[in-house]
């Protein structure tokens, strides 16, 4: 699991053996070092379609850093990540196949929840018809239907987290990267999320939870 370290030796090494299945994502000796010896070190990970991987560790242990690396949102100090056969983190086709929910999502507070999610849907290349179909289903599933026309600046933390999930799922990603997805969710919403992730796994979506 990700952790901080002191000294010169790597503090962590994560290996998931999925060699028998085609890999959607491969991380090789992935390292992101910060001053003071903190970061993630020598991560090795193979992620196959339908696989669900949990990354565990205390606060500050590097879980978010790892997800940012896998999500193309950060650059490694050394090592590399291959997504769908390419190591080019700037390849638009890579980002279109990733669904990402990080700890601090960017929203437009003066736009409604539906408008925010619509913006993300179009960024992923969805047509108007498909965006409407997906968003109607996801807003209903997430419990945000009645708040879809409310400004995001008026949303509670839990509502913003649910909106993050809608935006991460709208384009049916091949890989879903979720940072503390149950934070600020109530018990019913947590159960709904678990059920959704189980269904996604059965249909081939790979999931990394931290």
N, C-alpha and C. Protein backbone atom coordinates (compact mmCIF):
# COMPACT_ATOMS: atom_id res chain seq x y z
N UNK A 1 0.84 -1.19 0.00
CA UNK A 1 0.00 0.00 0.00
C UNK A 1 0.87 1.23 0.00
N UNK A 2 0.45 2.36 -0.57
CA UNK A 2 1.26 3.55 -0.60
C UNK A 2 1.60 4.03 0.80
N UNK A 3 2.81 4.54 0.98
CA UNK A 3 3.20 5.06 2.28
C UNK A 3 4.35 6.02 2.09
N UNK A 4 4.66 6.77 3.18
CA UNK A 4 5.83 7.61 3.17
C UNK A 4 7.02 6.75 3.52
N UNK A 5 8.23 7.30 3.36
CA UNK A 5 9.41 6.53 3.67
C UNK A 5 10.49 7.46 4.19
N UNK A 6 11.51 6.89 4.75
CA UNK A 6 12.72 7.62 5.09
C UNK A 6 13.88 6.77 4.64
N UNK A 7 15.04 7.39 4.39
CA UNK A 7 16.15 6.63 3.86
C UNK A 7 16.05 6.48 2.37
N UNK A 8 16.89 5.61 1.80
CA UNK A 8 16.98 5.53 0.35
C UNK A 8 16.25 4.35 -0.25
N UNK A 9 15.74 3.44 0.56
CA UNK A 9 15.10 2.26 0.02
C UNK A 9 13.61 2.49 -0.18
N UNK A 10 13.06 1.93 -1.24
CA UNK A 10 11.62 2.06 -1.46
C UNK A 10 10.83 1.50 -0.28
N UNK A 11 9.75 2.20 0.07
CA UNK A 11 8.94 1.78 1.21
C UNK A 11 7.79 0.90 0.80
N UNK A 12 7.42 0.91 -0.47
CA UNK A 12 6.26 0.13 -0.88
C UNK A 12 6.53 -0.58 -2.19
N UNK A 13 5.86 -1.66 -2.38
CA UNK A 13 5.86 -2.35 -3.67
C UNK A 13 4.54 -3.05 -3.80
N UNK A 14 3.76 -2.67 -4.78
CA UNK A 14 2.42 -3.23 -4.97
C UNK A 14 2.42 -4.09 -6.21
N UNK A 15 2.05 -5.35 -6.08
CA UNK A 15 2.02 -6.25 -7.22
C UNK A 15 0.68 -6.96 -7.27
N UNK A 16 0.01 -6.87 -8.37
CA UNK A 16 -1.23 -7.60 -8.59
C UNK A 16 -1.02 -8.46 -9.82
N UNK A 17 -1.10 -9.77 -9.68
CA UNK A 17 -0.80 -10.69 -10.78
C UNK A 17 -2.06 -10.98 -11.57
N UNK A 18 -2.17 -10.36 -12.73
CA UNK A 18 -3.29 -10.64 -13.63
C UNK A 18 -2.74 -11.02 -15.00
N UNK A 19 -1.60 -11.68 -14.99
CA UNK A 19 -0.90 -11.97 -16.24
C UNK A 19 -1.73 -12.83 -17.19
N UNK A 20 -2.68 -13.60 -16.64
CA UNK A 20 -3.47 -14.48 -17.48
C UNK A 20 -4.56 -13.73 -18.26
N UNK A 21 -4.82 -12.47 -17.91
CA UNK A 21 -5.84 -11.68 -18.57
C UNK A 21 -5.20 -10.48 -19.29
N UNK A 22 -5.79 -10.03 -20.39
CA UNK A 22 -5.28 -8.83 -21.05
C UNK A 22 -5.33 -7.64 -20.08
N UNK A 23 -4.28 -6.85 -20.05
CA UNK A 23 -4.18 -5.74 -19.11
C UNK A 23 -4.62 -4.43 -19.75
N UNK A 24 -5.53 -3.74 -19.08
CA UNK A 24 -5.93 -2.40 -19.52
C UNK A 24 -4.90 -1.37 -19.08
N UNK A 25 -4.30 -1.62 -17.94
CA UNK A 25 -3.33 -0.69 -17.36
C UNK A 25 -2.18 -1.47 -16.76
N UNK A 26 -0.96 -1.01 -17.00
CA UNK A 26 0.23 -1.62 -16.41
C UNK A 26 1.10 -0.51 -15.84
N UNK A 27 1.36 -0.56 -14.54
CA UNK A 27 2.30 0.36 -13.90
C UNK A 27 3.58 -0.41 -13.60
N UNK A 28 4.71 0.15 -14.01
CA UNK A 28 5.99 -0.52 -13.85
C UNK A 28 6.94 0.37 -13.06
N UNK A 29 7.32 -0.10 -11.86
CA UNK A 29 8.27 0.63 -11.00
C UNK A 29 7.89 2.11 -10.87
N UNK A 30 6.62 2.36 -10.67
CA UNK A 30 6.08 3.72 -10.67
C UNK A 30 6.46 4.44 -9.38
N UNK A 31 7.11 5.58 -9.52
CA UNK A 31 7.58 6.34 -8.36
C UNK A 31 7.27 7.82 -8.54
N UNK A 32 6.76 8.42 -7.48
CA UNK A 32 6.60 9.87 -7.41
C UNK A 32 7.13 10.31 -6.05
N UNK A 33 8.28 10.96 -6.04
CA UNK A 33 8.95 11.33 -4.80
C UNK A 33 8.77 12.81 -4.52
N UNK A 34 8.57 13.12 -3.23
CA UNK A 34 8.47 14.49 -2.78
C UNK A 34 9.57 14.77 -1.77
N UNK A 35 9.79 16.03 -1.49
CA UNK A 35 10.77 16.39 -0.46
C UNK A 35 10.34 15.81 0.88
N UNK A 36 11.33 15.43 1.66
CA UNK A 36 11.03 14.84 2.96
C UNK A 36 10.84 13.35 2.91
N UNK A 37 11.02 12.75 1.72
CA UNK A 37 10.95 11.30 1.60
C UNK A 37 9.57 10.74 1.40
N UNK A 38 8.56 11.61 1.23
CA UNK A 38 7.21 11.10 1.04
C UNK A 38 6.91 10.90 -0.44
N UNK A 39 5.91 10.07 -0.70
CA UNK A 39 5.50 9.79 -2.06
C UNK A 39 5.08 8.35 -2.21
N UNK A 40 5.12 7.85 -3.42
CA UNK A 40 4.87 6.43 -3.69
C UNK A 40 6.07 5.90 -4.46
N UNK A 41 6.41 4.64 -4.20
CA UNK A 41 7.67 4.13 -4.70
C UNK A 41 7.52 2.71 -5.25
N UNK A 42 8.07 2.52 -6.45
CA UNK A 42 8.20 1.19 -7.05
C UNK A 42 6.87 0.44 -7.15
N UNK A 43 5.82 1.13 -7.55
CA UNK A 43 4.51 0.49 -7.70
C UNK A 43 4.51 -0.36 -8.96
N UNK A 44 4.08 -1.60 -8.82
CA UNK A 44 3.89 -2.49 -9.96
C UNK A 44 2.45 -3.00 -9.92
N UNK A 45 1.73 -2.74 -10.98
CA UNK A 45 0.31 -3.06 -11.00
C UNK A 45 -0.13 -3.43 -12.40
N UNK A 46 -0.88 -4.52 -12.51
CA UNK A 46 -1.54 -4.89 -13.76
C UNK A 46 -3.04 -4.93 -13.48
N UNK A 47 -3.79 -4.24 -14.31
CA UNK A 47 -5.23 -4.14 -14.10
C UNK A 47 -5.95 -4.68 -15.32
N UNK A 48 -6.73 -5.73 -15.10
CA UNK A 48 -7.47 -6.37 -16.19
C UNK A 48 -8.92 -5.92 -16.20
N UNK A 49 -9.59 -6.13 -17.30
CA UNK A 49 -11.01 -5.78 -17.42
C UNK A 49 -11.82 -6.49 -16.35
N UNK A 50 -12.70 -5.76 -15.68
CA UNK A 50 -13.56 -6.33 -14.66
C UNK A 50 -12.93 -6.49 -13.30
N UNK A 51 -11.66 -6.16 -13.19
CA UNK A 51 -10.96 -6.32 -11.91
C UNK A 51 -11.22 -5.13 -11.00
N UNK A 52 -11.37 -5.40 -9.71
CA UNK A 52 -11.53 -4.35 -8.71
C UNK A 52 -10.36 -4.42 -7.74
N UNK A 53 -9.62 -3.33 -7.61
CA UNK A 53 -8.44 -3.27 -6.76
C UNK A 53 -8.64 -2.19 -5.71
N UNK A 54 -8.37 -2.52 -4.45
CA UNK A 54 -8.43 -1.56 -3.37
C UNK A 54 -7.04 -1.17 -2.93
N UNK A 55 -6.80 0.12 -2.75
CA UNK A 55 -5.53 0.64 -2.25
C UNK A 55 -5.78 1.16 -0.85
N UNK A 56 -5.09 0.58 0.13
CA UNK A 56 -5.35 0.90 1.52
C UNK A 56 -4.13 1.56 2.16
N UNK A 57 -4.38 2.43 3.12
CA UNK A 57 -3.31 3.09 3.83
C UNK A 57 -3.86 4.27 4.61
N UNK A 58 -3.14 4.74 5.63
CA UNK A 58 -3.60 5.88 6.42
C UNK A 58 -3.54 7.18 5.61
N UNK A 59 -4.15 8.22 6.16
CA UNK A 59 -4.09 9.53 5.50
C UNK A 59 -2.64 9.95 5.30
N UNK A 60 -2.34 10.49 4.13
CA UNK A 60 -0.99 10.94 3.85
C UNK A 60 -0.05 9.86 3.38
N UNK A 61 -0.58 8.66 3.13
CA UNK A 61 0.29 7.55 2.75
C UNK A 61 0.55 7.47 1.26
N UNK A 62 -0.11 8.30 0.47
CA UNK A 62 0.17 8.33 -0.96
C UNK A 62 -0.92 7.78 -1.85
N UNK A 63 -2.08 7.46 -1.29
CA UNK A 63 -3.15 6.88 -2.10
C UNK A 63 -3.61 7.84 -3.20
N UNK A 64 -3.83 9.09 -2.82
CA UNK A 64 -4.27 10.07 -3.82
C UNK A 64 -3.19 10.31 -4.87
N UNK A 65 -1.93 10.34 -4.44
CA UNK A 65 -0.83 10.50 -5.39
C UNK A 65 -0.84 9.38 -6.42
N UNK A 66 -1.04 8.15 -5.95
CA UNK A 66 -1.08 7.01 -6.87
C UNK A 66 -2.22 7.15 -7.87
N UNK A 67 -3.41 7.51 -7.38
CA UNK A 67 -4.53 7.66 -8.30
C UNK A 67 -4.29 8.78 -9.31
N UNK A 68 -3.66 9.86 -8.88
CA UNK A 68 -3.36 10.96 -9.81
C UNK A 68 -2.39 10.50 -10.89
N UNK A 69 -1.44 9.66 -10.53
CA UNK A 69 -0.51 9.11 -11.53
C UNK A 69 -1.26 8.23 -12.52
N UNK A 70 -2.14 7.37 -12.01
CA UNK A 70 -2.88 6.47 -12.89
C UNK A 70 -3.89 7.23 -13.76
N UNK A 71 -4.32 8.40 -13.26
CA UNK A 71 -5.33 9.20 -13.97
C UNK A 71 -4.72 10.20 -14.95
N UNK A 72 -3.41 10.18 -15.13
CA UNK A 72 -2.67 11.11 -16.00
C UNK A 72 -2.65 12.52 -15.45
N UNK A 73 -3.02 12.71 -14.17
CA UNK A 73 -3.07 14.04 -13.57
C UNK A 73 -1.75 14.42 -12.91
N UNK A 74 -0.79 13.51 -12.85
CA UNK A 74 0.53 13.78 -12.28
C UNK A 74 1.56 13.00 -13.09
N UNK A 75 2.79 13.50 -13.06
CA UNK A 75 3.89 12.89 -13.81
C UNK A 75 4.81 12.14 -12.85
N UNK A 76 5.17 10.90 -13.13
CA UNK A 76 6.04 10.16 -12.22
C UNK A 76 7.47 10.69 -12.22
N UNK A 77 8.14 10.52 -11.08
CA UNK A 77 9.57 10.81 -11.00
C UNK A 77 10.35 9.78 -11.81
N UNK A 78 9.91 8.54 -11.73
CA UNK A 78 10.50 7.46 -12.53
C UNK A 78 9.46 6.37 -12.70
N UNK A 79 9.78 5.40 -13.56
CA UNK A 79 8.81 4.36 -13.88
C UNK A 79 7.81 4.86 -14.91
N UNK A 80 6.84 4.02 -15.23
CA UNK A 80 5.88 4.42 -16.25
C UNK A 80 4.56 3.71 -16.07
N UNK A 81 3.54 4.26 -16.73
CA UNK A 81 2.22 3.65 -16.79
C UNK A 81 1.86 3.45 -18.25
N UNK A 82 1.32 2.30 -18.57
CA UNK A 82 0.79 2.02 -19.90
C UNK A 82 -0.72 1.88 -19.79
N UNK A 83 -1.44 2.69 -20.57
CA UNK A 83 -2.90 2.62 -20.60
C UNK A 83 -3.31 2.09 -21.97
N UNK A 84 -3.97 0.98 -22.00
CA UNK A 84 -4.51 0.44 -23.26
C UNK A 84 -3.43 0.33 -24.33
N UNK A 85 -2.21 0.01 -23.89
CA UNK A 85 -1.12 -0.23 -24.82
C UNK A 85 -0.27 0.97 -25.18
N UNK A 86 -0.57 2.15 -24.60
CA UNK A 86 0.25 3.33 -24.87
C UNK A 86 0.75 3.94 -23.56
N UNK A 87 1.95 4.52 -23.59
CA UNK A 87 2.48 5.21 -22.42
C UNK A 87 2.35 6.72 -22.55
N UNK A 88 1.64 7.17 -23.56
CA UNK A 88 1.45 8.60 -23.79
C UNK A 88 0.29 9.12 -22.94
N UNK A 89 0.62 9.77 -21.83
CA UNK A 89 -0.41 10.25 -20.91
C UNK A 89 -1.24 11.38 -21.51
N UNK A 90 -0.76 11.99 -22.58
CA UNK A 90 -1.49 13.10 -23.21
C UNK A 90 -2.39 12.63 -24.35
N UNK A 91 -2.40 11.36 -24.61
CA UNK A 91 -3.23 10.82 -25.68
C UNK A 91 -4.71 11.02 -25.32
N UNK A 92 -5.46 11.79 -26.09
CA UNK A 92 -6.87 12.03 -25.76
C UNK A 92 -7.69 10.75 -25.64
N UNK A 93 -7.32 9.72 -26.39
CA UNK A 93 -8.09 8.48 -26.34
C UNK A 93 -7.93 7.79 -24.99
N UNK A 94 -6.80 8.01 -24.31
CA UNK A 94 -6.60 7.46 -22.97
C UNK A 94 -7.56 8.11 -21.99
N UNK A 95 -7.57 9.43 -21.98
CA UNK A 95 -8.40 10.15 -21.01
C UNK A 95 -9.89 9.92 -21.24
N UNK A 96 -10.27 9.67 -22.50
CA UNK A 96 -11.68 9.40 -22.77
C UNK A 96 -12.13 8.06 -22.22
N UNK A 97 -11.18 7.18 -21.92
CA UNK A 97 -11.53 5.85 -21.40
C UNK A 97 -11.34 5.74 -19.89
N UNK A 98 -10.96 6.84 -19.26
CA UNK A 98 -10.79 6.87 -17.81
C UNK A 98 -11.94 7.63 -17.17
N UNK A 99 -12.47 7.06 -16.08
CA UNK A 99 -13.42 7.77 -15.24
C UNK A 99 -12.74 8.07 -13.92
N UNK A 100 -12.68 9.34 -13.55
CA UNK A 100 -11.84 9.74 -12.42
C UNK A 100 -12.65 10.53 -11.40
N UNK A 101 -12.51 10.13 -10.14
CA UNK A 101 -13.09 10.89 -9.03
C UNK A 101 -11.99 11.08 -8.01
N UNK A 102 -11.36 12.25 -8.03
CA UNK A 102 -10.29 12.56 -7.09
C UNK A 102 -10.85 13.30 -5.88
N UNK A 103 -9.98 13.59 -4.91
CA UNK A 103 -10.45 14.16 -3.66
C UNK A 103 -10.99 15.58 -3.83
N UNK A 104 -10.46 16.31 -4.81
CA UNK A 104 -10.92 17.67 -5.03
C UNK A 104 -11.30 17.84 -6.50
N UNK A 105 -12.56 17.74 -6.77
CA UNK A 105 -13.04 17.87 -8.15
C UNK A 105 -13.34 19.33 -8.46
N UNK A 106 -13.17 19.70 -9.70
CA UNK A 106 -13.45 21.08 -10.13
C UNK A 106 -14.89 21.17 -10.63
N UNK A 107 -15.63 22.09 -10.04
CA UNK A 107 -17.00 22.34 -10.48
C UNK A 107 -17.20 23.83 -10.70
N UNK A 108 -18.18 24.15 -11.52
CA UNK A 108 -18.57 25.54 -11.73
C UNK A 108 -19.73 25.84 -10.79
N UNK A 109 -19.45 26.58 -9.71
CA UNK A 109 -20.45 26.81 -8.68
C UNK A 109 -21.66 27.58 -9.17
N UNK A 110 -21.49 28.40 -10.21
CA UNK A 110 -22.60 29.21 -10.72
C UNK A 110 -23.37 28.51 -11.84
N UNK A 111 -23.09 27.22 -12.02
CA UNK A 111 -23.85 26.40 -12.95
C UNK A 111 -24.60 25.34 -12.14
N UNK A 112 -25.66 24.81 -12.70
CA UNK A 112 -26.41 23.77 -12.01
C UNK A 112 -25.64 22.45 -12.04
N UNK A 113 -26.08 21.52 -11.22
CA UNK A 113 -25.47 20.20 -11.24
C UNK A 113 -25.58 19.55 -12.60
N UNK A 114 -26.74 19.68 -13.22
CA UNK A 114 -26.95 19.07 -14.54
C UNK A 114 -26.06 19.73 -15.59
N UNK A 115 -25.92 21.05 -15.52
CA UNK A 115 -25.06 21.76 -16.47
C UNK A 115 -23.60 21.34 -16.32
N UNK A 116 -23.16 21.17 -15.08
CA UNK A 116 -21.79 20.71 -14.85
C UNK A 116 -21.57 19.34 -15.47
N UNK A 117 -22.49 18.42 -15.19
CA UNK A 117 -22.35 17.06 -15.71
C UNK A 117 -22.46 17.04 -17.24
N UNK A 118 -23.32 17.89 -17.79
CA UNK A 118 -23.46 18.00 -19.25
C UNK A 118 -22.14 18.44 -19.88
N UNK A 119 -21.47 19.39 -19.23
CA UNK A 119 -20.17 19.85 -19.71
C UNK A 119 -19.18 18.69 -19.79
N UNK A 120 -19.12 17.88 -18.73
CA UNK A 120 -18.21 16.74 -18.72
C UNK A 120 -18.59 15.72 -19.79
N UNK A 121 -19.88 15.49 -19.96
CA UNK A 121 -20.33 14.53 -20.97
C UNK A 121 -19.85 14.94 -22.36
N UNK A 122 -19.93 16.22 -22.65
CA UNK A 122 -19.49 16.70 -23.96
C UNK A 122 -17.98 16.68 -24.09
N UNK A 123 -17.27 16.90 -22.97
CA UNK A 123 -15.82 16.78 -23.01
C UNK A 123 -15.39 15.37 -23.40
N UNK A 124 -16.21 14.39 -23.03
CA UNK A 124 -15.91 13.00 -23.36
C UNK A 124 -16.45 12.60 -24.73
N UNK A 125 -17.06 13.53 -25.44
CA UNK A 125 -17.49 13.27 -26.81
C UNK A 125 -18.87 12.68 -26.96
N UNK A 126 -19.69 12.69 -25.91
CA UNK A 126 -21.04 12.15 -26.02
C UNK A 126 -21.93 13.08 -26.84
N UNK A 127 -22.79 12.50 -27.65
CA UNK A 127 -23.77 13.28 -28.39
C UNK A 127 -24.81 13.83 -27.42
N UNK A 128 -25.58 14.82 -27.87
CA UNK A 128 -26.63 15.38 -27.00
C UNK A 128 -27.60 14.30 -26.54
N UNK A 129 -28.01 13.45 -27.47
CA UNK A 129 -28.99 12.42 -27.13
C UNK A 129 -28.44 11.43 -26.11
N UNK A 130 -27.20 10.99 -26.32
CA UNK A 130 -26.60 10.02 -25.40
C UNK A 130 -26.31 10.67 -24.06
N UNK A 131 -25.85 11.92 -24.07
CA UNK A 131 -25.58 12.62 -22.82
C UNK A 131 -26.87 12.74 -22.00
N UNK A 132 -27.95 13.09 -22.65
CA UNK A 132 -29.23 13.24 -21.95
C UNK A 132 -29.69 11.90 -21.36
N UNK A 133 -29.55 10.84 -22.15
CA UNK A 133 -29.95 9.51 -21.67
C UNK A 133 -29.12 9.09 -20.46
N UNK A 134 -27.80 9.25 -20.56
CA UNK A 134 -26.92 8.83 -19.47
C UNK A 134 -27.13 9.69 -18.22
N UNK A 135 -27.24 11.00 -18.40
CA UNK A 135 -27.38 11.88 -17.25
C UNK A 135 -28.72 11.70 -16.56
N UNK A 136 -29.78 11.50 -17.31
CA UNK A 136 -31.08 11.26 -16.68
C UNK A 136 -31.03 10.01 -15.82
N UNK A 137 -30.39 8.96 -16.33
CA UNK A 137 -30.28 7.71 -15.56
C UNK A 137 -29.41 7.90 -14.33
N UNK A 138 -28.26 8.57 -14.48
CA UNK A 138 -27.32 8.71 -13.38
C UNK A 138 -27.80 9.69 -12.31
N UNK A 139 -28.48 10.76 -12.71
CA UNK A 139 -29.02 11.68 -11.72
C UNK A 139 -30.12 11.00 -10.91
N UNK A 140 -30.90 10.16 -11.55
CA UNK A 140 -31.92 9.40 -10.83
C UNK A 140 -31.27 8.42 -9.87
N UNK A 141 -30.26 7.67 -10.37
CA UNK A 141 -29.57 6.68 -9.53
C UNK A 141 -28.89 7.33 -8.33
N UNK A 142 -28.28 8.48 -8.53
CA UNK A 142 -27.48 9.12 -7.48
C UNK A 142 -28.32 9.85 -6.44
N UNK A 143 -29.61 9.99 -6.69
CA UNK A 143 -30.45 10.73 -5.77
C UNK A 143 -30.39 12.24 -5.97
N UNK A 144 -29.80 12.67 -7.09
CA UNK A 144 -29.66 14.10 -7.36
C UNK A 144 -30.73 14.64 -8.31
N UNK A 145 -31.68 13.80 -8.69
CA UNK A 145 -32.65 14.23 -9.70
C UNK A 145 -33.37 15.52 -9.30
N UNK A 146 -33.83 15.59 -8.06
CA UNK A 146 -34.58 16.77 -7.62
C UNK A 146 -33.69 18.00 -7.47
N UNK A 147 -32.36 17.79 -7.42
CA UNK A 147 -31.42 18.91 -7.26
C UNK A 147 -30.66 19.20 -8.54
N UNK A 148 -31.10 18.59 -9.65
CA UNK A 148 -30.33 18.72 -10.89
C UNK A 148 -30.28 20.16 -11.41
N UNK A 149 -31.31 20.97 -11.10
CA UNK A 149 -31.36 22.35 -11.57
C UNK A 149 -30.94 23.34 -10.50
N UNK A 150 -30.36 22.83 -9.43
CA UNK A 150 -29.86 23.68 -8.34
C UNK A 150 -28.40 24.03 -8.61
N UNK A 151 -27.98 25.24 -8.24
CA UNK A 151 -26.59 25.65 -8.43
C UNK A 151 -25.68 24.78 -7.58
N UNK A 152 -24.55 24.38 -8.14
CA UNK A 152 -23.61 23.52 -7.41
C UNK A 152 -23.07 24.24 -6.17
N UNK A 153 -22.97 25.57 -6.24
CA UNK A 153 -22.52 26.32 -5.08
C UNK A 153 -23.43 26.16 -3.87
N UNK A 154 -24.65 25.69 -4.09
CA UNK A 154 -25.60 25.46 -3.00
C UNK A 154 -25.62 23.99 -2.57
N UNK A 155 -24.86 23.15 -3.24
CA UNK A 155 -24.82 21.73 -2.90
C UNK A 155 -24.07 21.51 -1.59
N UNK A 156 -24.49 20.50 -0.84
CA UNK A 156 -23.73 20.03 0.32
C UNK A 156 -22.53 19.23 -0.17
N UNK A 157 -21.61 18.89 0.73
CA UNK A 157 -20.45 18.09 0.36
C UNK A 157 -20.88 16.74 -0.19
N UNK A 158 -21.85 16.12 0.46
CA UNK A 158 -22.33 14.82 -0.01
C UNK A 158 -22.92 14.89 -1.41
N UNK A 159 -23.65 15.96 -1.69
CA UNK A 159 -24.23 16.13 -3.03
C UNK A 159 -23.13 16.35 -4.07
N UNK A 160 -22.10 17.10 -3.71
CA UNK A 160 -20.99 17.32 -4.64
C UNK A 160 -20.26 16.01 -4.93
N UNK A 161 -20.12 15.17 -3.90
CA UNK A 161 -19.45 13.89 -4.10
C UNK A 161 -20.28 13.00 -5.03
N UNK A 162 -21.59 13.03 -4.87
CA UNK A 162 -22.44 12.24 -5.76
C UNK A 162 -22.38 12.78 -7.19
N UNK A 163 -22.28 14.09 -7.33
CA UNK A 163 -22.12 14.68 -8.66
C UNK A 163 -20.79 14.24 -9.27
N UNK A 164 -19.74 14.15 -8.46
CA UNK A 164 -18.46 13.62 -8.94
C UNK A 164 -18.63 12.24 -9.54
N UNK A 165 -19.40 11.40 -8.87
CA UNK A 165 -19.63 10.04 -9.36
C UNK A 165 -20.38 10.05 -10.69
N UNK A 166 -21.39 10.89 -10.80
CA UNK A 166 -22.13 11.01 -12.06
C UNK A 166 -21.17 11.36 -13.19
N UNK A 167 -20.31 12.34 -12.95
CA UNK A 167 -19.38 12.81 -13.99
C UNK A 167 -18.34 11.75 -14.34
N UNK A 168 -17.94 10.95 -13.35
CA UNK A 168 -16.95 9.90 -13.61
C UNK A 168 -17.55 8.73 -14.39
N UNK A 169 -18.86 8.54 -14.28
CA UNK A 169 -19.51 7.38 -14.88
C UNK A 169 -20.20 7.67 -16.21
N UNK A 170 -20.39 8.94 -16.53
CA UNK A 170 -21.29 9.31 -17.63
C UNK A 170 -20.88 8.70 -18.97
N UNK A 171 -19.59 8.55 -19.22
CA UNK A 171 -19.13 8.09 -20.54
C UNK A 171 -18.80 6.60 -20.57
N UNK A 172 -19.23 5.85 -19.55
CA UNK A 172 -18.97 4.41 -19.46
C UNK A 172 -17.48 4.11 -19.63
N UNK A 173 -16.66 4.54 -18.67
CA UNK A 173 -15.21 4.38 -18.82
C UNK A 173 -14.78 2.92 -18.75
N UNK A 174 -13.63 2.64 -19.34
CA UNK A 174 -13.04 1.29 -19.25
C UNK A 174 -12.37 1.09 -17.91
N UNK A 175 -11.81 2.17 -17.35
CA UNK A 175 -11.16 2.14 -16.04
C UNK A 175 -11.75 3.24 -15.19
N UNK A 176 -12.13 2.90 -13.97
CA UNK A 176 -12.71 3.85 -13.03
C UNK A 176 -11.76 4.00 -11.85
N UNK A 177 -11.32 5.23 -11.58
CA UNK A 177 -10.37 5.53 -10.50
C UNK A 177 -11.08 6.41 -9.48
N UNK A 178 -11.30 5.88 -8.28
CA UNK A 178 -12.12 6.56 -7.28
C UNK A 178 -11.33 6.79 -5.99
N UNK A 179 -11.22 8.04 -5.60
CA UNK A 179 -10.52 8.41 -4.37
C UNK A 179 -11.56 8.68 -3.28
N UNK A 180 -11.59 7.82 -2.27
CA UNK A 180 -12.54 7.92 -1.16
C UNK A 180 -13.97 8.17 -1.65
N UNK A 181 -14.48 7.28 -2.48
CA UNK A 181 -15.79 7.52 -3.10
C UNK A 181 -16.96 7.56 -2.12
N UNK A 182 -16.79 6.97 -0.93
CA UNK A 182 -17.91 6.97 0.03
C UNK A 182 -17.86 8.15 0.99
N UNK A 183 -16.86 9.02 0.86
CA UNK A 183 -16.75 10.18 1.74
C UNK A 183 -18.00 11.05 1.64
N UNK A 184 -18.61 11.33 2.78
CA UNK A 184 -19.79 12.20 2.90
C UNK A 184 -21.06 11.58 2.32
N UNK A 185 -21.01 10.29 1.95
CA UNK A 185 -22.23 9.62 1.48
C UNK A 185 -22.96 9.00 2.66
N UNK A 186 -24.28 8.98 2.61
CA UNK A 186 -25.03 8.30 3.65
C UNK A 186 -25.05 6.80 3.37
N UNK A 187 -25.60 6.05 4.32
CA UNK A 187 -25.54 4.58 4.24
C UNK A 187 -26.21 4.06 2.98
N UNK A 188 -27.36 4.61 2.63
CA UNK A 188 -28.09 4.15 1.44
C UNK A 188 -27.29 4.43 0.17
N UNK A 189 -26.67 5.60 0.12
CA UNK A 189 -25.86 5.95 -1.05
C UNK A 189 -24.64 5.05 -1.16
N UNK A 190 -24.05 4.68 -0.02
CA UNK A 190 -22.91 3.76 -0.04
C UNK A 190 -23.31 2.41 -0.62
N UNK A 191 -24.45 1.89 -0.19
CA UNK A 191 -24.93 0.60 -0.72
C UNK A 191 -25.21 0.69 -2.21
N UNK A 192 -25.80 1.79 -2.64
CA UNK A 192 -26.07 1.98 -4.07
C UNK A 192 -24.77 2.00 -4.87
N UNK A 193 -23.75 2.65 -4.31
CA UNK A 193 -22.46 2.71 -5.00
C UNK A 193 -21.83 1.33 -5.10
N UNK A 194 -21.86 0.58 -4.02
CA UNK A 194 -21.29 -0.77 -4.04
C UNK A 194 -21.98 -1.63 -5.10
N UNK A 195 -23.30 -1.54 -5.15
CA UNK A 195 -24.06 -2.31 -6.14
C UNK A 195 -23.68 -1.88 -7.56
N UNK A 196 -23.54 -0.58 -7.78
CA UNK A 196 -23.16 -0.08 -9.11
C UNK A 196 -21.77 -0.58 -9.50
N UNK A 197 -20.83 -0.56 -8.57
CA UNK A 197 -19.47 -1.01 -8.88
C UNK A 197 -19.44 -2.50 -9.18
N UNK A 198 -20.26 -3.27 -8.49
CA UNK A 198 -20.34 -4.70 -8.78
C UNK A 198 -20.85 -4.94 -10.20
N UNK A 199 -21.87 -4.18 -10.60
CA UNK A 199 -22.41 -4.32 -11.95
C UNK A 199 -21.39 -3.89 -13.00
N UNK A 200 -20.67 -2.81 -12.73
CA UNK A 200 -19.65 -2.34 -13.66
C UNK A 200 -18.56 -3.38 -13.84
N UNK A 201 -18.17 -4.01 -12.75
CA UNK A 201 -17.14 -5.05 -12.82
C UNK A 201 -17.61 -6.22 -13.68
N UNK A 202 -18.86 -6.60 -13.52
CA UNK A 202 -19.40 -7.72 -14.30
C UNK A 202 -19.45 -7.40 -15.80
N UNK A 203 -19.55 -6.13 -16.14
CA UNK A 203 -19.61 -5.74 -17.55
C UNK A 203 -18.24 -5.33 -18.10
N UNK A 204 -17.18 -5.55 -17.30
CA UNK A 204 -15.83 -5.37 -17.82
C UNK A 204 -15.09 -4.12 -17.41
N UNK A 205 -15.73 -3.24 -16.65
CA UNK A 205 -15.04 -2.04 -16.19
C UNK A 205 -14.07 -2.40 -15.07
N UNK A 206 -12.83 -1.95 -15.18
CA UNK A 206 -11.85 -2.14 -14.11
C UNK A 206 -11.96 -0.97 -13.14
N UNK A 207 -11.82 -1.26 -11.84
CA UNK A 207 -12.02 -0.24 -10.81
C UNK A 207 -10.84 -0.24 -9.85
N UNK A 208 -10.33 0.95 -9.55
CA UNK A 208 -9.33 1.13 -8.50
C UNK A 208 -9.93 2.06 -7.45
N UNK A 209 -10.00 1.57 -6.21
CA UNK A 209 -10.56 2.33 -5.09
C UNK A 209 -9.46 2.67 -4.11
N UNK A 210 -9.46 3.89 -3.62
CA UNK A 210 -8.48 4.29 -2.60
C UNK A 210 -9.20 5.01 -1.47
